[in-house]
Amino acid sequence: MNKPKRLLAISWTAIGALFGALPVSAAPILGSDLASFAVLGATGVTNVPTSTIGGNLGSAPNATVGGGYIFSSGSLQPNTALAQAAQLDLDAAIGAVNSGAALPGNVIAAGDGNLDAFNGGVFAPGTYDVGAGTSNLVTAITLDGGGSNTAVWRFRFSSTFIMSEGSDVNLINVGDGAGVGIYWSVGSAATLDGDTLVGNVFANQLISSNGGLTLGCGRLASAESQVTLIKDTISIGCGDLGDTGYGSGGYDQGVNIGSGGTGGSGGQVVPEPGSLLLAGIALAGLFGAGKRKGQEGLVA
């Protein structure tokens, strides 16, 4: 009479094994709360209208979030619980990006601050450490994934990062971009006066723009200061604003389901098709075990 119970236990074990074996593209850097934000400040967000935002915009612990936004998705989060949790996620994300050492060939010494002068302005996936002093992007650079859709770039600036007016960051050769990660970790302030940028900008101090910046796939987040916008376009949607159409994770290493939403950890995540298939198999196993239990009961 114990056999049906053992069958049921085996079915639960199979379910755990199925869900535990779900493939993961790469470990994401962003927590789910931070991933819901397009713009996050610590001492406030200011804006000269009108900026277009795809994702949540908020600040914590200062609740100042300015005004004059058009939201393609998301909402204002003035020192809400979600914004507070996102700030904790930001601390963890900065620590994760800054962990580990760059290869010797990817260390850009102080005084060689123009990124466009490094390797002809072309950057293969990898970790790049930029020495002390101001680092500039004067014209344009290209992030070349070499055909990999799981390419990851980490740029780590010891001090200040400045994008000059008219500069651009271009992304090429990443297939469907499903597993791409792009991170800009700035030890001091980030001045983003350029035209186009991709990826996640984390700065300890002020993040500012002189107007007209388009960041169509990523986010701006300051850990200790404010973010100032002037008629900018910032979106985590990677397609909301006519960008490449890649997944909705904001270039966070393959998080393209749920991360493009704006509900944070309390939001609903749509299961991937593979997850739904595995769930169906698991439920079928449960049904079969229950059916066998009923048949054995009749035989007994």
C-alpha atoms as a PDB file:
ATOM      1  CA  MET A   1       0.000   0.000   0.000  1.00  0.00           C
ATOM      2  CA  ASN A   2       3.034   2.306   0.250  1.00  0.00           C
ATOM      3  CA  LYS A   3       3.818   2.098  -3.452  1.00  0.00           C
ATOM      4  CA  PRO A   4       1.462   4.924  -4.544  1.00  0.00           C
ATOM      5  CA  LYS A   5       3.089   7.284  -1.996  1.00  0.00           C
ATOM      6  CA  ARG A   6       6.527   6.491  -3.367  1.00  0.00           C
ATOM      7  CA  LEU A   7       5.297   7.175  -6.888  1.00  0.00           C
ATOM      8  CA  LEU A   8       3.938  10.547  -5.818  1.00  0.00           C
ATOM      9  CA  ALA A   9       7.203  11.421  -4.096  1.00  0.00           C
ATOM     10  CA  ILE A  10       9.124  10.513  -7.225  1.00  0.00           C
ATOM     11  CA  SER A  11       6.854  12.820  -9.232  1.00  0.00           C
ATOM     12  CA  TRP A  12       7.605  15.753  -6.923  1.00  0.00           C
ATOM     13  CA  THR A  13      11.311  14.988  -7.187  1.00  0.00           C
ATOM     14  CA  ALA A  14      11.004  14.978 -10.960  1.00  0.00           C
ATOM     15  CA  ILE A  15       9.280  18.360 -10.858  1.00  0.00           C
ATOM     16  CA  GLY A  16      12.101  19.797  -8.758  1.00  0.00           C
ATOM     17  CA  ALA A  17      14.675  18.372 -11.121  1.00  0.00           C
ATOM     18  CA  LEU A  18      12.907  19.780 -14.160  1.00  0.00           C
ATOM     19  CA  PHE A  19      12.648  23.279 -12.791  1.00  0.00           C
ATOM     20  CA  GLY A  20      16.120  23.152 -11.308  1.00  0.00           C
ATOM     21  CA  ALA A  21      17.540  22.305 -14.698  1.00  0.00           C
ATOM     22  CA  LEU A  22      16.149  25.314 -16.520  1.00  0.00           C
ATOM     23  CA  PRO A  23      18.947  26.838 -18.593  1.00  0.00           C
ATOM     24  CA  VAL A  24      20.260  30.283 -17.658  1.00  0.00           C
ATOM     25  CA  SER A  25      22.003  32.485 -20.210  1.00  0.00           C
ATOM     26  CA  ALA A  26      24.259  34.226 -17.676  1.00  0.00           C
ATOM     27  CA  ALA A  27      24.005  35.530 -14.168  1.00  0.00           C
ATOM     28  CA  PRO A  28      22.292  38.928 -14.203  1.00  0.00           C
ATOM     29  CA  ILE A  29      23.933  41.853 -12.422  1.00  0.00           C
ATOM     30  CA  LEU A  30      20.762  43.792 -11.638  1.00  0.00           C
ATOM     31  CA  GLY A  31      18.272  42.812  -8.991  1.00  0.00           C
ATOM     32  CA  SER A  32      14.637  42.748 -10.091  1.00  0.00           C
ATOM     33  CA  ASP A  33      13.800  46.040  -8.349  1.00  0.00           C
ATOM     34  CA  LEU A  34      16.642  47.993  -9.953  1.00  0.00           C
ATOM     35  CA  ALA A  35      15.893  46.294 -13.278  1.00  0.00           C
ATOM     36  CA  SER A  36      12.481  47.980 -13.339  1.00  0.00           C
ATOM     37  CA  PHE A  37      14.040  51.480 -13.340  1.00  0.00           C
ATOM     38  CA  ALA A  38      15.181  53.530 -16.302  1.00  0.00           C
ATOM     39  CA  VAL A  39      16.344  56.369 -14.029  1.00  0.00           C
ATOM     40  CA  LEU A  40      17.217  56.164 -10.337  1.00  0.00           C
ATOM     41  CA  GLY A  41      18.708  58.855  -8.105  1.00  0.00           C
ATOM     42  CA  ALA A  42      19.656  59.019  -4.452  1.00  0.00           C
ATOM     43  CA  THR A  43      19.308  62.749  -3.763  1.00  0.00           C
ATOM     44  CA  GLY A  44      16.734  63.376  -6.479  1.00  0.00           C
ATOM     45  CA  VAL A  45      16.054  63.501 -10.214  1.00  0.00           C
ATOM     46  CA  THR A  46      15.699  66.827 -12.002  1.00  0.00           C
ATOM     47  CA  ASN A  47      14.447  67.351 -15.521  1.00  0.00           C
ATOM     48  CA  VAL A  48      14.019  70.025 -18.154  1.00  0.00           C
ATOM     49  CA  PRO A  49      10.905  68.992 -20.087  1.00  0.00           C
ATOM     50  CA  THR A  50      10.302  66.961 -21.899  1.00  0.00           C
ATOM     51  CA  SER A  51      12.197  63.709 -21.348  1.00  0.00           C
ATOM     52  CA  THR A  52      10.826  60.397 -22.586  1.00  0.00           C
ATOM     53  CA  ILE A  53      11.158  57.488 -20.167  1.00  0.00           C
ATOM     54  CA  GLY A  54      10.609  53.767 -20.695  1.00  0.00           C
ATOM     55  CA  GLY A  55      10.653  52.275 -17.193  1.00  0.00           C
ATOM     56  CA  ASN A  56      10.276  53.523 -13.646  1.00  0.00           C
ATOM     57  CA  LEU A  57      11.845  56.831 -12.620  1.00  0.00           C
ATOM     58  CA  GLY A  58      12.497  57.498  -8.965  1.00  0.00           C
ATOM     59  CA  SER A  59      14.801  58.503  -6.165  1.00  0.00           C
ATOM     60  CA  ALA A  60      15.548  57.293  -2.647  1.00  0.00           C
ATOM     61  CA  PRO A  61      15.939  58.406   0.058  1.00  0.00           C
ATOM     62  CA  ASN A  62      15.261  61.877  -1.415  1.00  0.00           C
ATOM     63  CA  ALA A  63      11.795  61.901  -2.935  1.00  0.00           C
ATOM     64  CA  THR A  64      12.370  64.669  -5.515  1.00  0.00           C
ATOM     65  CA  VAL A  65      11.643  63.376  -9.001  1.00  0.00           C
ATOM     66  CA  GLY A  66      11.011  66.562 -10.999  1.00  0.00           C
ATOM     67  CA  GLY A  67       8.436  66.598 -13.765  1.00  0.00           C
ATOM     68  CA  GLY A  68       7.773  66.899 -17.458  1.00  0.00           C
ATOM     69  CA  TYR A  69       8.090  63.265 -18.514  1.00  0.00           C
ATOM     70  CA  ILE A  70       6.423  61.144 -21.148  1.00  0.00           C
ATOM     71  CA  PHE A  71       6.330  57.517 -20.007  1.00  0.00           C
ATOM     72  CA  SER A  72       6.223  54.770 -22.613  1.00  0.00           C
ATOM     73  CA  SER A  73       6.120  52.429 -19.598  1.00  0.00           C
ATOM     74  CA  GLY A  74       6.681  52.711 -15.865  1.00  0.00           C
ATOM     75  CA  SER A  75       5.811  55.461 -13.412  1.00  0.00           C
ATOM     76  CA  LEU A  76       7.205  57.953 -10.898  1.00  0.00           C
ATOM     77  CA  GLN A  77       8.640  56.374  -7.745  1.00  0.00           C
ATOM     78  CA  PRO A  78       9.417  59.158  -5.210  1.00  0.00           C
ATOM     79  CA  ASN A  79      11.120  57.406  -2.279  1.00  0.00           C
ATOM     80  CA  THR A  80       8.763  54.473  -2.569  1.00  0.00           C
ATOM     81  CA  ALA A  81       9.539  51.056  -1.156  1.00  0.00           C
ATOM     82  CA  LEU A  82      10.417  49.988  -4.711  1.00  0.00           C
ATOM     83  CA  ALA A  83      12.917  52.855  -5.108  1.00  0.00           C
ATOM     84  CA  GLN A  84      14.469  52.072  -1.729  1.00  0.00           C
ATOM     85  CA  ALA A  85      14.866  48.414  -2.669  1.00  0.00           C
ATOM     86  CA  ALA A  86      16.327  49.422  -6.037  1.00  0.00           C
ATOM     87  CA  GLN A  87      19.020  51.449  -4.271  1.00  0.00           C
ATOM     88  CA  LEU A  88      20.036  48.337  -2.356  1.00  0.00           C
ATOM     89  CA  ASP A  89      20.144  46.448  -5.653  1.00  0.00           C
ATOM     90  CA  LEU A  90      22.331  49.226  -7.071  1.00  0.00           C
ATOM     91  CA  ASP A  91      24.918  48.835  -4.307  1.00  0.00           C
ATOM     92  CA  ALA A  92      25.087  45.113  -5.045  1.00  0.00           C
ATOM     93  CA  ALA A  93      25.273  45.695  -8.815  1.00  0.00           C
ATOM     94  CA  ILE A  94      28.188  48.120  -8.478  1.00  0.00           C
ATOM     95  CA  GLY A  95      30.010  45.613  -6.294  1.00  0.00           C
ATOM     96  CA  ALA A  96      29.423  42.850  -8.838  1.00  0.00           C
ATOM     97  CA  VAL A  97      30.623  44.932 -11.799  1.00  0.00           C
ATOM     98  CA  ASN A  98      33.711  46.082  -9.923  1.00  0.00           C
ATOM     99  CA  SER A  99      34.737  42.611  -8.744  1.00  0.00           C
ATOM    100  CA  GLY A 100      37.593  40.827 -10.497  1.00  0.00           C
ATOM    101  CA  ALA A 101      40.527  42.236 -12.433  1.00  0.00           C
ATOM    102  CA  ALA A 102      40.755  43.324 -16.045  1.00  0.00           C
ATOM    103  CA  LEU A 103      43.251  41.670 -18.370  1.00  0.00           C
ATOM    104  CA  PRO A 104      46.495  43.695 -18.675  1.00  0.00           C
ATOM    105  CA  GLY A 105      45.699  44.686 -22.255  1.00  0.00           C
ATOM    106  CA  ASN A 106      42.378  46.148 -21.126  1.00  0.00           C
ATOM    107  CA  VAL A 107      43.823  48.587 -18.602  1.00  0.00           C
ATOM    108  CA  ILE A 108      43.701  52.153 -19.881  1.00  0.00           C
ATOM    109  CA  ALA A 109      46.276  54.206 -17.968  1.00  0.00           C
ATOM    110  CA  ALA A 110      45.638  57.658 -16.562  1.00  0.00           C
ATOM    111  CA  GLY A 111      46.476  60.250 -19.194  1.00  0.00           C
ATOM    112  CA  ASP A 112      45.212  58.013 -21.998  1.00  0.00           C
ATOM    113  CA  GLY A 113      41.717  59.115 -21.212  1.00  0.00           C
ATOM    114  CA  ASN A 114      40.178  59.308 -24.677  1.00  0.00           C
ATOM    115  CA  LEU A 115      38.342  56.030 -25.142  1.00  0.00           C
ATOM    116  CA  ASP A 116      38.096  56.550 -28.892  1.00  0.00           C
ATOM    117  CA  ALA A 117      41.927  56.415 -29.068  1.00  0.00           C
ATOM    118  CA  PHE A 118      42.070  52.944 -27.498  1.00  0.00           C
ATOM    119  CA  ASN A 119      42.417  50.161 -30.090  1.00  0.00           C
ATOM    120  CA  GLY A 120      41.001  52.380 -32.784  1.00  0.00           C
ATOM    121  CA  GLY A 121      37.826  52.883 -30.795  1.00  0.00           C
ATOM    122  CA  VAL A 122      36.754  49.221 -31.117  1.00  0.00           C
ATOM    123  CA  PHE A 123      36.132  47.220 -27.933  1.00  0.00           C
ATOM    124  CA  ALA A 124      35.789  43.442 -27.863  1.00  0.00           C
ATOM    125  CA  PRO A 125      33.790  41.955 -24.958  1.00  0.00           C
ATOM    126  CA  GLY A 126      35.681  42.154 -21.693  1.00  0.00           C
ATOM    127  CA  THR A 127      36.429  44.210 -18.599  1.00  0.00           C
ATOM    128  CA  TYR A 128      38.139  47.570 -19.104  1.00  0.00           C
ATOM    129  CA  ASP A 129      39.697  49.528 -16.244  1.00  0.00           C
ATOM    130  CA  VAL A 130      40.283  53.224 -16.752  1.00  0.00           C
ATOM    131  CA  GLY A 131      42.852  54.932 -14.526  1.00  0.00           C
ATOM    132  CA  ALA A 132      42.471  57.972 -12.325  1.00  0.00           C
ATOM    133  CA  GLY A 133      41.598  61.326 -13.822  1.00  0.00           C
ATOM    134  CA  THR A 134      38.947  62.379 -16.272  1.00  0.00           C
ATOM    135  CA  SER A 135      38.158  59.947 -19.072  1.00  0.00           C
ATOM    136  CA  ASN A 136      36.625  61.229 -22.280  1.00  0.00           C
ATOM    137  CA  LEU A 137      34.646  59.912 -25.196  1.00  0.00           C
ATOM    138  CA  VAL A 138      35.157  62.522 -27.897  1.00  0.00           C
ATOM    139  CA  THR A 139      33.727  61.009 -31.095  1.00  0.00           C
ATOM    140  CA  ALA A 140      32.465  57.418 -31.274  1.00  0.00           C
ATOM    141  CA  ILE A 141      33.386  53.928 -30.145  1.00  0.00           C
ATOM    142  CA  THR A 142      32.094  50.541 -31.228  1.00  0.00           C
ATOM    143  CA  LEU A 143      31.348  47.565 -29.024  1.00  0.00           C
ATOM    144  CA  ASP A 144      31.944  44.575 -31.318  1.00  0.00           C
ATOM    145  CA  GLY A 145      30.507  41.311 -30.002  1.00  0.00           C
ATOM    146  CA  GLY A 146      32.274  39.189 -32.607  1.00  0.00           C
ATOM    147  CA  GLY A 147      29.051  37.318 -33.360  1.00  0.00           C
ATOM    148  CA  SER A 148      28.286  36.347 -29.746  1.00  0.00           C
ATOM    149  CA  ASN A 149      24.806  37.053 -28.391  1.00  0.00           C
ATOM    150  CA  THR A 150      26.128  36.616 -24.834  1.00  0.00           C
ATOM    151  CA  ALA A 151      28.880  39.237 -25.065  1.00  0.00           C
ATOM    152  CA  VAL A 152      29.498  41.244 -21.880  1.00  0.00           C
ATOM    153  CA  TRP A 153      31.319  44.552 -21.476  1.00  0.00           C
ATOM    154  CA  ARG A 154      32.291  46.122 -18.156  1.00  0.00           C
ATOM    155  CA  PHE A 155      33.814  49.620 -18.212  1.00  0.00           C
ATOM    156  CA  ARG A 156      35.140  50.736 -14.819  1.00  0.00           C
ATOM    157  CA  PHE A 157      36.213  54.341 -14.316  1.00  0.00           C
ATOM    158  CA  SER A 158      38.214  55.265 -11.214  1.00  0.00           C
ATOM    159  CA  SER A 159      37.056  58.868 -11.430  1.00  0.00           C
ATOM    160  CA  THR A 160      34.996  60.938 -13.892  1.00  0.00           C
ATOM    161  CA  PHE A 161      33.573  59.876 -17.249  1.00  0.00           C
ATOM    162  CA  ILE A 162      32.615  62.493 -19.837  1.00  0.00           C
ATOM    163  CA  MET A 163      30.841  61.883 -23.130  1.00  0.00           C
ATOM    164  CA  SER A 164      31.435  64.930 -25.303  1.00  0.00           C
ATOM    165  CA  GLU A 165      28.747  66.461 -27.460  1.00  0.00           C
ATOM    166  CA  GLY A 166      28.347  64.503 -30.690  1.00  0.00           C
ATOM    167  CA  SER A 167      29.874  61.277 -29.348  1.00  0.00           C
ATOM    168  CA  ASP A 168      28.244  57.866 -29.713  1.00  0.00           C
ATOM    169  CA  VAL A 169      28.493  54.285 -28.467  1.00  0.00           C
ATOM    170  CA  ASN A 170      27.559  51.733 -31.122  1.00  0.00           C
ATOM    171  CA  LEU A 171      26.872  48.027 -30.610  1.00  0.00           C
ATOM    172  CA  ILE A 172      27.414  45.509 -33.419  1.00  0.00           C
ATOM    173  CA  ASN A 173      27.727  41.744 -34.073  1.00  0.00           C
ATOM    174  CA  VAL A 174      25.737  40.394 -31.129  1.00  0.00           C
ATOM    175  CA  GLY A 175      23.165  38.280 -32.975  1.00  0.00           C
ATOM    176  CA  ASP A 176      19.777  38.683 -31.324  1.00  0.00           C
ATOM    177  CA  GLY A 177      21.419  40.264 -28.275  1.00  0.00           C
ATOM    178  CA  ALA A 178      19.645  37.838 -25.949  1.00  0.00           C
ATOM    179  CA  GLY A 179      22.490  37.524 -23.445  1.00  0.00           C
ATOM    180  CA  VAL A 180      24.295  40.833 -23.822  1.00  0.00           C
ATOM    181  CA  GLY A 181      25.497  42.755 -20.775  1.00  0.00           C
ATOM    182  CA  ILE A 182      26.855  46.330 -20.878  1.00  0.00           C
ATOM    183  CA  TYR A 183      27.887  48.164 -17.706  1.00  0.00           C
ATOM    184  CA  TRP A 184      29.519  51.552 -17.084  1.00  0.00           C
ATOM    185  CA  SER A 185      30.664  51.867 -13.464  1.00  0.00           C
ATOM    186  CA  VAL A 186      31.831  55.392 -12.661  1.00  0.00           C
ATOM    187  CA  GLY A 187      33.670  56.105  -9.412  1.00  0.00           C
ATOM    188  CA  SER A 188      32.768  59.792  -9.414  1.00  0.00           C
ATOM    189  CA  ALA A 189      30.484  61.731 -11.798  1.00  0.00           C
ATOM    190  CA  ALA A 190      29.221  60.815 -15.268  1.00  0.00           C
ATOM    191  CA  THR A 191      28.602  63.661 -17.717  1.00  0.00           C
ATOM    192  CA  LEU A 192      26.694  62.302 -20.700  1.00  0.00           C
ATOM    193  CA  ASP A 193      26.614  65.047 -23.312  1.00  0.00           C
ATOM    194  CA  GLY A 194      26.786  62.648 -26.255  1.00  0.00           C
ATOM    195  CA  ASP A 195      24.125  61.618 -28.709  1.00  0.00           C
ATOM    196  CA  THR A 196      23.647  57.866 -28.202  1.00  0.00           C
ATOM    197  CA  LEU A 197      24.624  55.357 -25.529  1.00  0.00           C
ATOM    198  CA  VAL A 198      23.765  51.749 -24.650  1.00  0.00           C
ATOM    199  CA  GLY A 199      23.927  49.865 -21.376  1.00  0.00           C
ATOM    200  CA  ASN A 200      23.699  50.493 -17.667  1.00  0.00           C
ATOM    201  CA  VAL A 201      25.384  53.564 -16.199  1.00  0.00           C
ATOM    202  CA  PHE A 202      26.112  53.298 -12.469  1.00  0.00           C
ATOM    203  CA  ALA A 203      27.777  56.340 -10.861  1.00  0.00           C
ATOM    204  CA  ASN A 204      28.578  57.102  -7.263  1.00  0.00           C
ATOM    205  CA  GLN A 205      28.021  60.806  -7.840  1.00  0.00           C
ATOM    206  CA  LEU A 206      26.084  63.026 -10.260  1.00  0.00           C
ATOM    207  CA  ILE A 207      24.841  61.753 -13.618  1.00  0.00           C
ATOM    208  CA  SER A 208      24.062  64.666 -15.926  1.00  0.00           C
ATOM    209  CA  SER A 209      23.243  65.440 -19.535  1.00  0.00           C
ATOM    210  CA  ASN A 210      23.329  68.693 -21.471  1.00  0.00           C
ATOM    211  CA  GLY A 211      20.282  67.523 -23.395  1.00  0.00           C
ATOM    212  CA  GLY A 212      19.187  65.202 -26.152  1.00  0.00           C
ATOM    213  CA  LEU A 213      20.871  61.991 -25.019  1.00  0.00           C
ATOM    214  CA  THR A 214      19.281  58.784 -26.302  1.00  0.00           C
ATOM    215  CA  LEU A 215      19.884  55.674 -24.209  1.00  0.00           C
ATOM    216  CA  GLY A 216      17.507  53.253 -25.875  1.00  0.00           C
ATOM    217  CA  CYS A 217      18.559  50.120 -24.030  1.00  0.00           C
ATOM    218  CA  GLY A 218      19.789  50.563 -20.468  1.00  0.00           C
ATOM    219  CA  ARG A 219      19.426  52.833 -17.447  1.00  0.00           C
ATOM    220  CA  LEU A 220      20.970  55.647 -15.408  1.00  0.00           C
ATOM    221  CA  ALA A 221      21.451  55.121 -11.659  1.00  0.00           C
ATOM    222  CA  SER A 222      23.300  57.225  -9.090  1.00  0.00           C
ATOM    223  CA  ALA A 223      24.179  55.622  -5.771  1.00  0.00           C
ATOM    224  CA  GLU A 224      24.835  58.804  -3.776  1.00  0.00           C
ATOM    225  CA  SER A 225      23.752  61.834  -5.799  1.00  0.00           C
ATOM    226  CA  GLN A 226      21.179  62.949  -8.349  1.00  0.00           C
ATOM    227  CA  VAL A 227      20.416  62.430 -12.001  1.00  0.00           C
ATOM    228  CA  THR A 228      19.739  65.525 -14.119  1.00  0.00           C
ATOM    229  CA  LEU A 229      17.919  65.178 -17.435  1.00  0.00           C
ATOM    230  CA  ILE A 230      17.328  67.672 -20.230  1.00  0.00           C
ATOM    231  CA  LYS A 231      14.995  66.469 -22.952  1.00  0.00           C
ATOM    232  CA  ASP A 232      16.572  63.024 -22.938  1.00  0.00           C
ATOM    233  CA  THR A 233      15.255  59.628 -24.025  1.00  0.00           C
ATOM    234  CA  ILE A 234      16.008  56.790 -21.599  1.00  0.00           C
ATOM    235  CA  SER A 235      14.474  53.308 -21.864  1.00  0.00           C
ATOM    236  CA  ILE A 236      15.044  49.813 -20.499  1.00  0.00           C
ATOM    237  CA  GLY A 237      12.858  48.373 -23.242  1.00  0.00           C
ATOM    238  CA  CYS A 238      15.438  47.858 -26.026  1.00  0.00           C
ATOM    239  CA  GLY A 239      12.843  48.480 -28.684  1.00  0.00           C
ATOM    240  CA  ASP A 240      10.285  50.764 -27.029  1.00  0.00           C
ATOM    241  CA  LEU A 241      11.956  53.757 -28.636  1.00  0.00           C
ATOM    242  CA  GLY A 242      13.042  52.399 -31.999  1.00  0.00           C
ATOM    243  CA  ASP A 243      16.292  50.810 -30.798  1.00  0.00           C
ATOM    244  CA  THR A 244      17.647  47.486 -32.033  1.00  0.00           C
ATOM    245  CA  GLY A 245      14.635  45.425 -30.990  1.00  0.00           C
ATOM    246  CA  TYR A 246      16.726  43.132 -28.774  1.00  0.00           C
ATOM    247  CA  GLY A 247      15.339  41.630 -25.576  1.00  0.00           C
ATOM    248  CA  SER A 248      13.778  43.783 -22.896  1.00  0.00           C
ATOM    249  CA  GLY A 249      16.362  43.354 -20.144  1.00  0.00           C
ATOM    250  CA  GLY A 250      18.234  46.608 -20.698  1.00  0.00           C
ATOM    251  CA  TYR A 251      21.437  44.705 -21.529  1.00  0.00           C
ATOM    252  CA  ASP A 252      21.653  42.835 -18.244  1.00  0.00           C
ATOM    253  CA  GLN A 253      23.191  39.547 -19.420  1.00  0.00           C
ATOM    254  CA  GLY A 254      20.215  37.813 -20.900  1.00  0.00           C
ATOM    255  CA  VAL A 255      17.389  38.978 -18.662  1.00  0.00           C
ATOM    256  CA  ASN A 256      14.805  39.416 -21.398  1.00  0.00           C
ATOM    257  CA  ILE A 257      11.729  38.110 -19.604  1.00  0.00           C
ATOM    258  CA  GLY A 258      10.282  40.280 -16.856  1.00  0.00           C
ATOM    259  CA  SER A 259      13.265  42.595 -16.477  1.00  0.00           C
ATOM    260  CA  GLY A 260      11.791  44.973 -19.020  1.00  0.00           C
ATOM    261  CA  GLY A 261       8.693  45.314 -16.846  1.00  0.00           C
ATOM    262  CA  THR A 262       8.252  48.044 -14.297  1.00  0.00           C
ATOM    263  CA  GLY A 263       6.784  46.292 -11.290  1.00  0.00           C
ATOM    264  CA  GLY A 264      10.008  45.266  -9.577  1.00  0.00           C
ATOM    265  CA  SER A 265       9.934  42.188  -7.393  1.00  0.00           C
ATOM    266  CA  GLY A 266       6.193  42.617  -6.921  1.00  0.00           C
ATOM    267  CA  GLY A 267       5.482  42.556 -10.643  1.00  0.00           C
ATOM    268  CA  GLN A 268       4.317  39.576 -12.647  1.00  0.00           C
ATOM    269  CA  VAL A 269       6.863  37.730 -14.777  1.00  0.00           C
ATOM    270  CA  VAL A 270       5.645  35.911 -17.875  1.00  0.00           C
ATOM    271  CA  PRO A 271       7.184  32.405 -18.008  1.00  0.00           C
ATOM    272  CA  GLU A 272       9.421  31.578 -20.920  1.00  0.00           C
ATOM    273  CA  PRO A 273       7.956  29.077 -23.435  1.00  0.00           C
ATOM    274  CA  GLY A 274      10.464  26.463 -22.283  1.00  0.00           C
ATOM    275  CA  SER A 275       9.295  26.902 -18.704  1.00  0.00           C
ATOM    276  CA  LEU A 276       5.695  26.407 -19.736  1.00  0.00           C
ATOM    277  CA  LEU A 277       6.608  23.205 -21.581  1.00  0.00           C
ATOM    278  CA  LEU A 278       8.451  21.817 -18.566  1.00  0.00           C
ATOM    279  CA  ALA A 279       5.578  22.766 -16.301  1.00  0.00           C
ATOM    280  CA  GLY A 280       3.213  20.867 -18.593  1.00  0.00           C
ATOM    281  CA  ILE A 281       5.448  17.795 -18.481  1.00  0.00           C
ATOM    282  CA  ALA A 282       5.626  17.979 -14.699  1.00  0.00           C
ATOM    283  CA  LEU A 283       1.850  18.317 -14.358  1.00  0.00           C
ATOM    284  CA  ALA A 284       1.382  15.385 -16.719  1.00  0.00           C
ATOM    285  CA  GLY A 285       3.653  13.346 -14.439  1.00  0.00           C
ATOM    286  CA  LEU A 286       1.540  14.288 -11.434  1.00  0.00           C
ATOM    287  CA  PHE A 287      -1.650  13.341 -13.252  1.00  0.00           C
ATOM    288  CA  GLY A 288      -0.143  10.000 -14.249  1.00  0.00           C
ATOM    289  CA  ALA A 289       0.957   9.281 -10.688  1.00  0.00           C
ATOM    290  CA  GLY A 290      -2.505  10.095  -9.361  1.00  0.00           C
ATOM    291  CA  LYS A 291      -4.114   7.894 -11.992  1.00  0.00           C
ATOM    292  CA  ARG A 292      -1.850   4.977 -11.085  1.00  0.00           C
ATOM    293  CA  LYS A 293      -2.663   5.499  -7.420  1.00  0.00           C
ATOM    294  CA  GLY A 294      -6.395   5.271  -8.182  1.00  0.00           C
ATOM    295  CA  GLN A 295      -5.951   2.140 -10.291  1.00  0.00           C
ATOM    296  CA  GLU A 296      -3.913   0.406  -7.588  1.00  0.00           C
ATOM    297  CA  GLY A 297      -6.556   1.325  -5.033  1.00  0.00           C
ATOM    298  CA  LEU A 298      -9.175  -0.397  -7.180  1.00  0.00           C
ATOM    299  CA  VAL A 299      -6.996  -3.490  -7.509  1.00  0.00           C
ATOM    300  CA  ALA A 300      -6.407  -3.601  -3.759  1.00  0.00           C
END
